Amino acid sequence: MKSIFALGAFALLTTIHLTSIQAAASNTTVAPATAGNLAGKVVETMDAATYTYALIDTGAAKAWVAAPQFIVKVGDTLAVADAMPMNQYRSKTLNRTFEVVYFSGNVRVNGKPALAPTVPATVAAAVAAAVAPKAANLANIPRAPNGQTVAEILEGKNKFSGQPIAVRARVVKYNAQILGKNWLHLRDGSGTEGTNDLTVTTSAEVKVGDLVLVTGKLTTNRDFGSGYTYAAIVENATVVVQ
């Protein structure tokens, strides 16, 4: 009888020990994908497009974080605040899918605010020119069938909130693959400062100057965290170049 109990106890202890080893071995990402603060030692880092990715070891687990490009190296202490988790995030530039990436615009390296990499003035000017709204031909843009103008949408955002909209306009600014989406700024010649530029997110790829037909639902008072707030935005829109 004692032998049976001894064997049972040994088997139980062995199972617990193996489970602990397996849990430690799989300790590669932070399981709870919730917004908040993360900090730890950098064990891997890479740059892709306009973002820096860093794998940090928090002591309890490892997690991928990303922020607009900054200077960091393996061994540094990295802390991010107001992080926004993106599950199953696909980076086209890296050709890689991450289980979870925590995006943040509030990053500290070794206790100090993160520094952007320095680039020649000519390169900085070229980047600024590429992302800044460009002068576009906004004359004679026909209204979308049963649709609205940019000004009508923004001036009537409370009426249109949660409702489908349709607008035909030109792309005056385009940022690819931020938080997993392409971001467009649209203008059609209507409105004045504050009511003449509509923000749209989409999976469609376009370029500055394209005339596009956009359909989707308008969202108001959208807060993405890290200071990214929008009084009105069309998310996950269908965009067709015309």
C-alpha atoms as a PDB file:
ATOM      1  CA  MET A   1       0.000   0.000   0.000  1.00  0.00           C
ATOM      2  CA  LYS A   2       2.803   2.433   0.921  1.00  0.00           C
ATOM      3  CA  SER A   3       4.482   1.659  -2.392  1.00  0.00           C
ATOM      4  CA  ILE A   4       1.309   2.574  -4.300  1.00  0.00           C
ATOM      5  CA  PHE A   5       1.001   5.900  -2.454  1.00  0.00           C
ATOM      6  CA  ALA A   6       4.713   6.598  -3.005  1.00  0.00           C
ATOM      7  CA  LEU A   7       4.427   5.919  -6.727  1.00  0.00           C
ATOM      8  CA  GLY A   8       1.335   8.129  -6.961  1.00  0.00           C
ATOM      9  CA  ALA A   9       3.071  10.991  -5.155  1.00  0.00           C
ATOM     10  CA  PHE A  10       6.151  10.641  -7.353  1.00  0.00           C
ATOM     11  CA  ALA A  11       4.017  10.729 -10.512  1.00  0.00           C
ATOM     12  CA  LEU A  12       2.181  13.841  -9.290  1.00  0.00           C
ATOM     13  CA  LEU A  13       5.412  15.668  -8.465  1.00  0.00           C
ATOM     14  CA  THR A  14       6.897  14.684 -11.821  1.00  0.00           C
ATOM     15  CA  THR A  15       3.827  16.037 -13.650  1.00  0.00           C
ATOM     16  CA  ILE A  16       3.997  19.349 -11.758  1.00  0.00           C
ATOM     17  CA  HIS A  17       7.735  19.645 -12.466  1.00  0.00           C
ATOM     18  CA  LEU A  18       7.305  18.966 -16.187  1.00  0.00           C
ATOM     19  CA  THR A  19       4.391  21.409 -16.401  1.00  0.00           C
ATOM     20  CA  SER A  20       6.548  24.121 -14.825  1.00  0.00           C
ATOM     21  CA  ILE A  21       9.355  23.451 -17.307  1.00  0.00           C
ATOM     22  CA  GLN A  22       6.937  23.554 -20.244  1.00  0.00           C
ATOM     23  CA  ALA A  23       5.384  26.812 -19.012  1.00  0.00           C
ATOM     24  CA  ALA A  24       8.810  28.401 -18.663  1.00  0.00           C
ATOM     25  CA  ALA A  25       9.844  27.226 -22.120  1.00  0.00           C
ATOM     26  CA  SER A  26       6.754  28.772 -23.727  1.00  0.00           C
ATOM     27  CA  ASN A  27       7.205  32.069 -21.890  1.00  0.00           C
ATOM     28  CA  THR A  28       7.720  34.167 -25.022  1.00  0.00           C
ATOM     29  CA  THR A  29       4.889  36.680 -25.144  1.00  0.00           C
ATOM     30  CA  VAL A  30       2.680  38.548 -22.737  1.00  0.00           C
ATOM     31  CA  ALA A  31      -0.607  36.671 -22.733  1.00  0.00           C
ATOM     32  CA  PRO A  32      -3.079  39.373 -21.656  1.00  0.00           C
ATOM     33  CA  ALA A  33      -3.495  41.707 -24.624  1.00  0.00           C
ATOM     34  CA  THR A  34      -4.631  44.755 -22.693  1.00  0.00           C
ATOM     35  CA  ALA A  35      -3.587  48.376 -23.024  1.00  0.00           C
ATOM     36  CA  GLY A  36      -1.217  49.720 -20.403  1.00  0.00           C
ATOM     37  CA  ASN A  37       2.431  50.008 -19.430  1.00  0.00           C
ATOM     38  CA  LEU A  38       5.273  47.567 -20.101  1.00  0.00           C
ATOM     39  CA  ALA A  39       8.940  47.637 -19.166  1.00  0.00           C
ATOM     40  CA  GLY A  40      11.915  45.287 -19.431  1.00  0.00           C
ATOM     41  CA  LYS A  41      15.282  44.494 -20.972  1.00  0.00           C
ATOM     42  CA  VAL A  42      15.580  44.542 -24.761  1.00  0.00           C
ATOM     43  CA  VAL A  43      16.569  41.111 -26.080  1.00  0.00           C
ATOM     44  CA  GLU A  44      15.927  41.744 -29.786  1.00  0.00           C
ATOM     45  CA  THR A  45      15.231  44.796 -31.933  1.00  0.00           C
ATOM     46  CA  MET A  46      14.689  45.700 -35.573  1.00  0.00           C
ATOM     47  CA  ASP A  47      13.497  48.601 -37.727  1.00  0.00           C
ATOM     48  CA  ALA A  48      10.773  48.242 -40.343  1.00  0.00           C
ATOM     49  CA  ALA A  49       9.310  51.063 -42.428  1.00  0.00           C
ATOM     50  CA  THR A  50       8.836  53.950 -39.977  1.00  0.00           C
ATOM     51  CA  TYR A  51       8.674  51.800 -36.830  1.00  0.00           C
ATOM     52  CA  THR A  52      11.164  50.228 -34.415  1.00  0.00           C
ATOM     53  CA  TYR A  53      10.202  46.833 -32.985  1.00  0.00           C
ATOM     54  CA  ALA A  54      11.731  45.572 -29.744  1.00  0.00           C
ATOM     55  CA  LEU A  55      11.295  42.309 -27.875  1.00  0.00           C
ATOM     56  CA  ILE A  56      11.517  43.013 -24.146  1.00  0.00           C
ATOM     57  CA  ASP A  57      11.841  40.634 -21.216  1.00  0.00           C
ATOM     58  CA  THR A  58       9.653  41.935 -18.394  1.00  0.00           C
ATOM     59  CA  GLY A  59      10.887  39.302 -15.971  1.00  0.00           C
ATOM     60  CA  ALA A  60       7.521  37.542 -16.088  1.00  0.00           C
ATOM     61  CA  ALA A  61       7.287  37.134 -19.858  1.00  0.00           C
ATOM     62  CA  LYS A  62       8.492  38.539 -23.159  1.00  0.00           C
ATOM     63  CA  ALA A  63       6.560  40.967 -25.334  1.00  0.00           C
ATOM     64  CA  TRP A  64       6.984  42.749 -28.652  1.00  0.00           C
ATOM     65  CA  VAL A  65       6.535  46.509 -28.549  1.00  0.00           C
ATOM     66  CA  ALA A  66       6.647  49.003 -31.417  1.00  0.00           C
ATOM     67  CA  ALA A  67       6.877  52.771 -31.738  1.00  0.00           C
ATOM     68  CA  PRO A  68       7.865  55.364 -34.347  1.00  0.00           C
ATOM     69  CA  GLN A  69      11.560  54.773 -35.058  1.00  0.00           C
ATOM     70  CA  PHE A  70      13.826  55.400 -32.095  1.00  0.00           C
ATOM     71  CA  ILE A  71      17.359  54.516 -30.993  1.00  0.00           C
ATOM     72  CA  VAL A  72      17.618  51.368 -28.873  1.00  0.00           C
ATOM     73  CA  LYS A  73      19.936  48.353 -28.616  1.00  0.00           C
ATOM     74  CA  VAL A  74      19.956  44.915 -27.023  1.00  0.00           C
ATOM     75  CA  GLY A  75      20.565  45.227 -23.279  1.00  0.00           C
ATOM     76  CA  ASP A  76      18.838  48.599 -22.908  1.00  0.00           C
ATOM     77  CA  THR A  77      15.943  49.024 -20.495  1.00  0.00           C
ATOM     78  CA  LEU A  78      12.807  49.943 -22.430  1.00  0.00           C
ATOM     79  CA  ALA A  79       9.560  51.251 -20.959  1.00  0.00           C
ATOM     80  CA  VAL A  80       6.377  52.044 -22.914  1.00  0.00           C
ATOM     81  CA  ALA A  81       3.234  53.746 -21.626  1.00  0.00           C
ATOM     82  CA  ASP A  82      -0.345  53.726 -22.908  1.00  0.00           C
ATOM     83  CA  ALA A  83       0.483  50.733 -25.085  1.00  0.00           C
ATOM     84  CA  MET A  84      -2.197  49.511 -27.485  1.00  0.00           C
ATOM     85  CA  PRO A  85      -2.179  45.748 -28.178  1.00  0.00           C
ATOM     86  CA  MET A  86      -2.679  44.478 -31.713  1.00  0.00           C
ATOM     87  CA  ASN A  87      -3.430  40.744 -31.866  1.00  0.00           C
ATOM     88  CA  GLN A  88      -2.121  38.669 -34.788  1.00  0.00           C
ATOM     89  CA  TYR A  89      -0.433  41.769 -36.216  1.00  0.00           C
ATOM     90  CA  ARG A  90       0.930  41.280 -39.729  1.00  0.00           C
ATOM     91  CA  SER A  91       3.971  43.318 -40.792  1.00  0.00           C
ATOM     92  CA  LYS A  92       4.238  43.312 -44.571  1.00  0.00           C
ATOM     93  CA  THR A  93       7.690  44.895 -44.412  1.00  0.00           C
ATOM     94  CA  LEU A  94       9.038  42.133 -42.163  1.00  0.00           C
ATOM     95  CA  ASN A  95       6.858  39.457 -43.789  1.00  0.00           C
ATOM     96  CA  ARG A  96       5.979  38.289 -40.309  1.00  0.00           C
ATOM     97  CA  THR A  97       2.897  37.858 -38.134  1.00  0.00           C
ATOM     98  CA  PHE A  98       3.254  38.667 -34.427  1.00  0.00           C
ATOM     99  CA  GLU A  99       0.983  37.065 -31.854  1.00  0.00           C
ATOM    100  CA  VAL A 100       0.711  40.430 -30.096  1.00  0.00           C
ATOM    101  CA  VAL A 101       2.469  43.746 -30.678  1.00  0.00           C
ATOM    102  CA  TYR A 102       2.064  46.623 -28.218  1.00  0.00           C
ATOM    103  CA  PHE A 103       2.115  49.967 -30.067  1.00  0.00           C
ATOM    104  CA  SER A 104       2.959  53.130 -28.198  1.00  0.00           C
ATOM    105  CA  GLY A 105       3.972  56.707 -28.818  1.00  0.00           C
ATOM    106  CA  ASN A 106       5.339  57.103 -25.296  1.00  0.00           C
ATOM    107  CA  VAL A 107       8.720  55.357 -25.030  1.00  0.00           C
ATOM    108  CA  ARG A 108      11.648  55.686 -22.623  1.00  0.00           C
ATOM    109  CA  VAL A 109      15.083  54.077 -23.069  1.00  0.00           C
ATOM    110  CA  ASN A 110      17.225  53.636 -19.948  1.00  0.00           C
ATOM    111  CA  GLY A 111      14.898  55.995 -18.093  1.00  0.00           C
ATOM    112  CA  LYS A 112      15.087  58.810 -20.666  1.00  0.00           C
ATOM    113  CA  PRO A 113      12.721  59.798 -23.497  1.00  0.00           C
ATOM    114  CA  ALA A 114      13.539  57.822 -26.634  1.00  0.00           C
ATOM    115  CA  LEU A 115      15.524  59.630 -29.320  1.00  0.00           C
ATOM    116  CA  ALA A 116      14.673  59.488 -33.005  1.00  0.00           C
ATOM    117  CA  PRO A 117      17.512  58.407 -35.297  1.00  0.00           C
ATOM    118  CA  THR A 118      19.335  61.320 -36.878  1.00  0.00           C
ATOM    119  CA  VAL A 119      19.166  61.653 -40.655  1.00  0.00           C
ATOM    120  CA  PRO A 120      20.659  64.143 -43.098  1.00  0.00           C
ATOM    121  CA  ALA A 121      18.609  67.314 -43.518  1.00  0.00           C
ATOM    122  CA  THR A 122      17.921  66.437 -47.159  1.00  0.00           C
ATOM    123  CA  VAL A 123      16.479  63.061 -46.148  1.00  0.00           C
ATOM    124  CA  ALA A 124      14.381  64.632 -43.385  1.00  0.00           C
ATOM    125  CA  ALA A 125      13.031  67.182 -45.841  1.00  0.00           C
ATOM    126  CA  ALA A 126      12.181  64.431 -48.328  1.00  0.00           C
ATOM    127  CA  VAL A 127      10.336  62.436 -45.666  1.00  0.00           C
ATOM    128  CA  ALA A 128       8.418  65.505 -44.538  1.00  0.00           C
ATOM    129  CA  ALA A 129       7.448  66.273 -48.095  1.00  0.00           C
ATOM    130  CA  ALA A 130       6.322  62.698 -48.692  1.00  0.00           C
ATOM    131  CA  VAL A 131       3.907  62.615 -45.765  1.00  0.00           C
ATOM    132  CA  ALA A 132       2.673  66.220 -45.784  1.00  0.00           C
ATOM    133  CA  PRO A 133      -0.639  67.024 -47.468  1.00  0.00           C
ATOM    134  CA  LYS A 134       0.134  67.973 -51.056  1.00  0.00           C
ATOM    135  CA  ALA A 135      -1.592  70.457 -53.297  1.00  0.00           C
ATOM    136  CA  ALA A 136      -4.076  68.505 -55.375  1.00  0.00           C
ATOM    137  CA  ASN A 137      -6.555  69.359 -58.060  1.00  0.00           C
ATOM    138  CA  LEU A 138      -9.802  69.524 -56.108  1.00  0.00           C
ATOM    139  CA  ALA A 139     -11.817  71.217 -58.828  1.00  0.00           C
ATOM    140  CA  ASN A 140     -14.968  69.677 -60.280  1.00  0.00           C
ATOM    141  CA  ILE A 141     -14.964  66.506 -58.168  1.00  0.00           C
ATOM    142  CA  PRO A 142     -18.439  64.981 -58.659  1.00  0.00           C
ATOM    143  CA  ARG A 143     -20.442  64.012 -55.596  1.00  0.00           C
ATOM    144  CA  ALA A 144     -20.645  60.282 -54.853  1.00  0.00           C
ATOM    145  CA  PRO A 145     -24.001  58.722 -55.780  1.00  0.00           C
ATOM    146  CA  ASN A 146     -26.320  59.238 -52.791  1.00  0.00           C
ATOM    147  CA  GLY A 147     -23.236  60.473 -50.959  1.00  0.00           C
ATOM    148  CA  GLN A 148     -21.867  63.456 -49.092  1.00  0.00           C
ATOM    149  CA  THR A 149     -19.056  65.953 -49.380  1.00  0.00           C
ATOM    150  CA  VAL A 150     -16.183  66.014 -46.903  1.00  0.00           C
ATOM    151  CA  ALA A 151     -17.559  69.212 -45.359  1.00  0.00           C
ATOM    152  CA  GLU A 152     -21.062  67.767 -45.015  1.00  0.00           C
ATOM    153  CA  ILE A 153     -19.673  64.727 -43.194  1.00  0.00           C
ATOM    154  CA  LEU A 154     -17.500  66.709 -40.797  1.00  0.00           C
ATOM    155  CA  GLU A 155     -20.023  69.452 -40.139  1.00  0.00           C
ATOM    156  CA  GLY A 156     -22.768  66.870 -39.609  1.00  0.00           C
ATOM    157  CA  LYS A 157     -20.640  64.280 -37.802  1.00  0.00           C
ATOM    158  CA  ASN A 158     -23.148  63.901 -34.961  1.00  0.00           C
ATOM    159  CA  LYS A 159     -25.944  63.167 -37.440  1.00  0.00           C
ATOM    160  CA  PHE A 160     -23.815  60.740 -39.446  1.00  0.00           C
ATOM    161  CA  SER A 161     -22.173  59.004 -36.460  1.00  0.00           C
ATOM    162  CA  GLY A 162     -22.560  55.241 -36.830  1.00  0.00           C
ATOM    163  CA  GLN A 163     -24.177  55.684 -40.244  1.00  0.00           C
ATOM    164  CA  PRO A 164     -22.905  54.602 -43.669  1.00  0.00           C
ATOM    165  CA  ILE A 165     -21.394  57.398 -45.735  1.00  0.00           C
ATOM    166  CA  ALA A 166     -20.106  57.698 -49.281  1.00  0.00           C
ATOM    167  CA  VAL A 167     -17.679  60.348 -50.469  1.00  0.00           C
ATOM    168  CA  ARG A 168     -15.648  60.941 -53.610  1.00  0.00           C
ATOM    169  CA  ALA A 169     -12.412  62.853 -52.970  1.00  0.00           C
ATOM    170  CA  ARG A 170      -8.688  62.980 -53.630  1.00  0.00           C
ATOM    171  CA  VAL A 171      -5.994  61.464 -51.431  1.00  0.00           C
ATOM    172  CA  VAL A 172      -3.809  64.303 -50.114  1.00  0.00           C
ATOM    173  CA  LYS A 173      -1.874  62.239 -47.555  1.00  0.00           C
ATOM    174  CA  TYR A 174      -1.123  58.515 -47.286  1.00  0.00           C
ATOM    175  CA  ASN A 175       0.595  56.585 -44.481  1.00  0.00           C
ATOM    176  CA  ALA A 176       0.928  52.828 -44.925  1.00  0.00           C
ATOM    177  CA  GLN A 177       0.691  50.124 -42.264  1.00  0.00           C
ATOM    178  CA  ILE A 178       0.217  52.089 -39.060  1.00  0.00           C
ATOM    179  CA  LEU A 179      -1.535  49.934 -36.454  1.00  0.00           C
ATOM    180  CA  GLY A 180      -2.159  47.427 -39.217  1.00  0.00           C
ATOM    181  CA  LYS A 181      -4.039  49.809 -41.519  1.00  0.00           C
ATOM    182  CA  ASN A 182      -3.367  52.313 -44.296  1.00  0.00           C
ATOM    183  CA  TRP A 183      -4.325  55.864 -43.314  1.00  0.00           C
ATOM    184  CA  LEU A 184      -5.701  58.344 -45.852  1.00  0.00           C
ATOM    185  CA  HIS A 185      -6.529  62.035 -45.687  1.00  0.00           C
ATOM    186  CA  LEU A 186      -9.193  63.028 -48.199  1.00  0.00           C
ATOM    187  CA  ARG A 187     -10.238  66.398 -49.598  1.00  0.00           C
ATOM    188  CA  ASP A 188     -12.789  67.321 -52.257  1.00  0.00           C
ATOM    189  CA  GLY A 189     -12.599  71.114 -52.233  1.00  0.00           C
ATOM    190  CA  SER A 190     -15.480  71.568 -49.813  1.00  0.00           C
ATOM    191  CA  GLY A 191     -15.229  73.105 -46.359  1.00  0.00           C
ATOM    192  CA  THR A 192     -12.627  75.272 -44.689  1.00  0.00           C
ATOM    193  CA  GLU A 193      -9.849  74.577 -42.162  1.00  0.00           C
ATOM    194  CA  GLY A 194     -11.267  72.031 -39.723  1.00  0.00           C
ATOM    195  CA  THR A 195     -13.990  70.761 -42.073  1.00  0.00           C
ATOM    196  CA  ASN A 196     -12.062  70.072 -45.284  1.00  0.00           C
ATOM    197  CA  ASP A 197      -9.973  66.973 -44.429  1.00  0.00           C
ATOM    198  CA  LEU A 198     -11.444  63.545 -43.676  1.00  0.00           C
ATOM    199  CA  THR A 199      -9.366  60.725 -42.156  1.00  0.00           C
ATOM    200  CA  VAL A 200      -9.968  57.168 -43.359  1.00  0.00           C
ATOM    201  CA  THR A 201      -8.395  53.806 -42.503  1.00  0.00           C
ATOM    202  CA  THR A 202      -8.438  50.953 -44.996  1.00  0.00           C
ATOM    203  CA  SER A 203      -6.591  47.884 -46.219  1.00  0.00           C
ATOM    204  CA  ALA A 204      -6.628  49.276 -49.755  1.00  0.00           C
ATOM    205  CA  GLU A 205      -3.405  50.653 -51.220  1.00  0.00           C
ATOM    206  CA  VAL A 206      -3.556  54.029 -52.947  1.00  0.00           C
ATOM    207  CA  LYS A 207      -1.250  56.951 -53.625  1.00  0.00           C
ATOM    208  CA  VAL A 208      -1.367  60.682 -53.091  1.00  0.00           C
ATOM    209  CA  GLY A 209      -3.354  62.351 -55.872  1.00  0.00           C
ATOM    210  CA  ASP A 210      -5.677  59.394 -56.512  1.00  0.00           C
ATOM    211  CA  LEU A 211      -9.377  60.151 -56.930  1.00  0.00           C
ATOM    212  CA  VAL A 212     -11.180  57.610 -54.769  1.00  0.00           C
ATOM    213  CA  LEU A 213     -14.707  56.570 -53.889  1.00  0.00           C
ATOM    214  CA  VAL A 214     -14.908  55.756 -50.175  1.00  0.00           C
ATOM    215  CA  THR A 215     -17.754  53.975 -48.424  1.00  0.00           C
ATOM    216  CA  GLY A 216     -18.020  52.941 -44.788  1.00  0.00           C
ATOM    217  CA  LYS A 217     -19.403  53.914 -41.396  1.00  0.00           C
ATOM    218  CA  LEU A 218     -18.473  57.137 -39.669  1.00  0.00           C
ATOM    219  CA  THR A 219     -17.121  56.905 -36.125  1.00  0.00           C
ATOM    220  CA  THR A 220     -16.966  59.953 -33.868  1.00  0.00           C
ATOM    221  CA  ASN A 221     -14.779  60.739 -30.843  1.00  0.00           C
ATOM    222  CA  ARG A 222     -12.411  57.852 -31.594  1.00  0.00           C
ATOM    223  CA  ASP A 223      -9.470  57.520 -29.204  1.00  0.00           C
ATOM    224  CA  PHE A 224      -6.647  55.169 -30.254  1.00  0.00           C
ATOM    225  CA  GLY A 225      -4.529  56.061 -27.196  1.00  0.00           C
ATOM    226  CA  SER A 226      -1.104  57.694 -27.107  1.00  0.00           C
ATOM    227  CA  GLY A 227      -2.639  61.020 -28.130  1.00  0.00           C
ATOM    228  CA  TYR A 228      -4.271  59.780 -31.331  1.00  0.00           C
ATOM    229  CA  THR A 229      -7.853  61.060 -31.140  1.00  0.00           C
ATOM    230  CA  TYR A 230     -10.274  61.862 -33.949  1.00  0.00           C
ATOM    231  CA  ALA A 231     -13.530  63.798 -33.802  1.00  0.00           C
ATOM    232  CA  ALA A 232     -14.608  61.899 -36.927  1.00  0.00           C
ATOM    233  CA  ILE A 233     -13.043  59.015 -38.840  1.00  0.00           C
ATOM    234  CA  VAL A 234     -14.129  56.305 -41.282  1.00  0.00           C
ATOM    235  CA  GLU A 235     -12.532  53.009 -40.202  1.00  0.00           C
ATOM    236  CA  ASN A 236     -11.996  49.906 -42.336  1.00  0.00           C
ATOM    237  CA  ALA A 237     -13.445  51.695 -45.327  1.00  0.00           C
ATOM    238  CA  THR A 238     -13.927  50.302 -48.817  1.00  0.00           C
ATOM    239  CA  VAL A 239     -11.789  52.426 -51.134  1.00  0.00           C
ATOM    240  CA  VAL A 240     -11.969  52.263 -54.931  1.00  0.00           C
ATOM    241  CA  VAL A 241      -9.592  54.259 -57.129  1.00  0.00           C
ATOM    242  CA  GLN A 242     -11.430  55.958 -59.991  1.00  0.00           C
END
